[in-house]
Protein backbone atom coordinates (compact mmCIF):
# COMPACT_ATOMS: atom_id res chain seq x y z
CA MET A 1 4.13 -22.23 -3.23
CA ALA A 2 6.00 -18.86 -2.93
CA TRP A 3 5.18 -17.45 -6.45
CA PHE A 4 1.54 -18.49 -6.00
CA LEU A 5 2.04 -16.20 -2.44
CA SER A 6 3.45 -13.08 -4.01
CA ARG A 7 0.61 -13.63 -6.78
CA ILE A 8 -2.30 -13.40 -4.54
CA PHE A 9 -0.55 -11.03 -1.87
CA ASP A 10 0.36 -8.76 -4.48
CA PRO A 11 -0.23 -5.14 -3.79
CA VAL A 12 -1.39 -4.49 -7.27
CA ILE A 13 -4.15 -7.03 -6.39
CA GLU A 14 -4.21 -6.34 -2.17
CA ILE A 15 -4.28 -2.23 -2.71
CA PRO A 16 -7.56 -2.43 -4.82
CA ILE A 17 -9.24 -4.86 -2.64
CA MET A 18 -8.29 -3.05 0.70
CA LEU A 19 -10.03 0.16 -1.15
CA THR A 20 -12.81 -1.45 -2.64
CA ALA A 21 -13.44 -3.11 0.62
CA ALA A 22 -13.30 0.25 2.62
CA THR A 23 -15.55 2.16 -0.31
CA VAL A 24 -18.41 -0.21 0.82
CA TYR A 25 -17.89 -0.05 4.19
CA ALA A 26 -18.07 3.83 4.16
CA ILE A 27 -21.43 3.75 2.13
CA ARG A 28 -22.96 1.27 4.29
CA SER A 29 -21.93 4.31 6.57
CA GLY A 30 -23.72 6.79 5.08
CA TRP A 31 -20.10 8.22 4.00
CA ARG A 32 -20.45 10.68 0.23
CA PHE A 33 -20.83 7.81 -2.40
CA ARG A 34 -18.62 9.99 -4.88
CA TYR A 35 -16.00 10.77 -2.74
CA LEU A 36 -15.09 6.98 -2.09
CA ILE A 37 -15.19 6.52 -6.16
CA PHE A 38 -12.74 9.11 -6.48
CA LEU A 39 -10.23 7.76 -4.24
CA LEU A 40 -10.88 4.31 -5.39
CA LEU A 41 -10.16 5.77 -8.58
CA MET A 42 -6.88 7.50 -8.05
CA ASP A 43 -5.09 5.64 -5.13
CA ALA A 44 -5.95 2.21 -6.93
CA VAL A 45 -7.37 2.45 -10.66
CA LEU A 46 -5.04 4.81 -11.66
CA PRO A 47 -1.60 3.74 -10.64
CA MET A 48 -2.83 0.13 -11.91
CA LEU A 49 -3.24 2.07 -15.95
CA PHE A 50 0.28 3.81 -15.26
CA MET A 51 1.89 0.21 -14.46
CA LEU A 52 0.00 -2.05 -17.50
CA TRP A 53 0.95 1.24 -19.60
CA GLY A 54 4.62 0.53 -18.56
CA LEU A 55 4.36 -2.87 -18.90
CA MET A 56 3.73 -2.28 -22.55
CA ARG A 57 5.11 0.10 -23.68
CA LYS A 58 8.59 -2.10 -21.86
CA SER A 59 9.73 0.48 -19.81
CA ILE A 60 8.90 -1.88 -16.90
CA THR A 61 9.83 -5.18 -18.17
CA ASP A 62 7.86 -7.46 -15.94
CA TRP A 63 4.77 -7.35 -13.15
CA ASP A 64 7.16 -6.69 -10.12
CA MET A 65 9.63 -4.59 -11.68
CA THR A 66 12.07 -6.36 -10.51
CA LYS A 67 14.80 -3.49 -11.47
CA ARG A 68 14.67 -1.17 -8.66
CA THR A 69 14.90 2.08 -11.25
CA GLU A 70 11.46 0.79 -13.36
CA ARG A 71 9.74 2.06 -10.02
CA GLY A 72 10.00 5.41 -9.91
CA GLY A 73 7.68 6.38 -12.32
CA ILE A 74 4.84 4.84 -10.05
CA TYR A 75 5.91 5.50 -7.01
CA VAL A 76 5.34 9.06 -9.17
CA VAL A 77 1.90 8.49 -9.87
CA THR A 78 0.73 7.24 -7.12
CA VAL A 79 2.19 9.97 -4.22
CA ILE A 80 0.71 12.34 -6.55
CA ALA A 81 -2.46 10.80 -6.73
CA HIS A 82 -3.06 9.40 -3.22
CA LEU A 83 -2.06 13.28 -2.41
CA PHE A 84 -5.40 14.10 -4.40
CA GLY A 85 -7.21 12.10 -1.93
CA VAL A 86 -6.07 13.63 1.18
CA VAL A 87 -7.10 16.76 0.08
CA TYR A 88 -10.30 16.10 -1.17
CA ALA A 89 -11.00 14.32 1.74
CA PHE A 90 -10.35 17.59 3.66
CA MET A 91 -12.13 19.46 2.05
CA LEU A 92 -14.85 17.41 2.44
CA GLY A 93 -14.32 18.18 6.00
CA LYS A 94 -13.89 13.72 6.34
CA GLU A 95 -10.40 14.89 8.78
CA GLU A 96 -10.24 11.18 10.33
CA LEU A 97 -9.89 9.66 7.44
CA ALA A 98 -7.83 12.44 5.79
CA GLU A 99 -5.79 12.45 8.91
CA ILE A 100 -5.89 8.44 8.30
CA LEU A 101 -4.88 8.25 3.82
CA PHE A 102 -2.19 11.04 5.32
CA VAL A 103 -0.15 8.59 7.26
CA PHE A 104 -0.07 5.80 4.36
CA TRP A 105 0.75 8.76 2.24
CA ILE A 106 3.68 8.89 4.23
CA LEU A 107 4.23 5.55 3.66
CA ALA A 108 4.25 5.62 0.36
CA VAL A 109 6.85 8.44 -0.03
CA VAL A 110 8.94 6.84 2.45
CA PHE A 111 8.92 4.16 0.08
CA ALA A 112 9.16 6.28 -2.15
CA LEU A 113 12.45 7.94 -1.58
CA THR A 114 13.76 4.47 -0.48
CA THR A 115 13.69 3.12 -3.96
CA ILE A 116 16.00 6.47 -5.06
CA TYR A 117 18.53 4.35 -3.62
CA TRP A 118 17.83 0.76 -2.56
CA LYS A 119 14.91 -1.40 -3.35
CA ILE A 120 13.31 -2.10 -0.59
CA SER A 121 10.07 -4.41 -0.51
CA VAL A 122 6.08 -3.29 -1.50
CA HIS A 123 4.74 -6.72 -0.72
CA ALA A 124 5.94 -6.60 3.00
CA GLY A 125 5.81 -2.69 2.83
CA VAL A 126 1.75 -3.74 1.86
CA ASN A 127 1.46 -6.21 4.16
CA GLY A 128 2.99 -4.59 7.07
CA ALA A 129 0.99 -1.23 6.67
CA ALA A 130 -2.45 -4.32 6.98
CA LEU A 131 -0.57 -5.64 9.71
CA ALA A 132 -0.44 -2.60 11.80
CA PHE A 133 -3.58 -0.46 10.66
CA PHE A 134 -6.08 -3.18 11.19
CA ASN A 135 -4.68 -4.23 14.42
CA HIS A 136 -4.45 -0.73 15.94
CA PHE A 137 -8.08 -0.22 14.65
CA TRP A 138 -9.48 -3.79 15.93
CA GLY A 139 -7.13 -5.05 18.10
CA TRP A 140 -4.74 -8.45 17.79
CA SER A 141 -7.23 -10.87 19.29
CA ASN A 142 -9.52 -9.74 15.87
CA TYR A 143 -5.99 -10.03 13.10
CA TRP A 144 -3.37 -11.63 14.64
CA TRP A 145 -3.21 -13.98 11.74
CA LEU A 146 -2.30 -11.54 9.73
CA ALA A 147 1.16 -11.19 10.92
CA LEU A 148 1.63 -15.36 9.25
CA VAL A 149 0.74 -13.90 6.07
CA LEU A 150 3.21 -11.29 6.39
CA LEU A 151 5.85 -13.62 7.24
CA MET A 152 4.32 -16.02 4.38
CA VAL A 153 4.86 -13.64 1.94
CA LEU A 154 8.69 -12.60 3.39
CA TRP A 155 9.43 -15.54 2.86
CA ALA A 156 8.12 -15.77 -0.73
CA ARG A 157 9.46 -12.26 -2.23
CA VAL A 158 13.29 -14.23 -0.93
CA GLU A 159 12.36 -17.90 -2.18
CA ILE A 160 11.32 -16.39 -5.93
CA LYS A 161 14.50 -14.25 -5.66
CA LYS A 162 12.31 -11.32 -5.63
CA HIS A 163 14.51 -9.45 -2.33
CA THR A 164 16.95 -10.83 -0.12
CA TRP A 165 15.79 -10.84 3.38
CA SER A 166 17.11 -7.20 4.57
CA GLN A 167 14.93 -5.99 1.82
CA VAL A 168 11.36 -7.15 3.23
CA LEU A 169 12.24 -6.49 6.95
CA VAL A 170 13.08 -3.67 6.37
CA GLY A 171 9.92 -2.94 3.58
CA ALA A 172 7.79 -4.36 6.32
CA SER A 173 9.11 -2.75 10.15
CA SER A 174 8.95 0.47 8.13
CA ALA A 175 5.60 0.59 7.26
CA ILE A 176 4.53 -1.20 10.81
CA LEU A 177 6.41 1.73 11.93
CA ILE A 178 4.97 4.51 10.21
CA VAL A 179 1.45 3.40 10.13
CA GLU A 180 1.10 2.89 13.63
CA MET A 181 3.05 5.76 14.74
CA GLY A 182 1.32 7.95 12.57
CA LEU A 183 -2.29 6.78 13.46
CA LEU A 184 -0.52 7.66 17.16
CA LEU A 185 0.38 11.06 16.16
CA VAL A 186 -2.18 12.44 14.42
CA GLY A 187 -4.68 10.80 17.29
CA ARG A 188 -6.00 7.81 15.75
């Protein structure tokens, strides 16, 4: 069960799904299709290709990047790629979107810097960020169940011995705090 939960709520799966959902929502709301496809390519496809390349080259030994030292490359690629999306959104005059993307960029930078010294759970971070984001904009009455998903993911990552409780708790709580405080600070 723990392996199943860990794969279903995997950042490599969740991030592209969330970006695709945001893209579909935005297209239906009249946003520019080209920018949204650019964002999906930069934030999901490019990091995924980098990870697959690392797995093929054996510079990444397993899907979960269990070794902390293997995570640096994908963090650098992700932080740089996402920054292009933030800047491009500002250039197009999509300030609200750019500010939200900037909050998530800050989260990626914090996780990247933390990973230099200590292994933090990205599974916990992505699910914590989703919990904070959805509940910030649409309320606990609609997305309370994301707290249950987060707790299951935390348990699963510890159960399969990919993380300790401190790594998952710091990952989840820092993501929730950064996303919530970041959205408040940018006025969203």
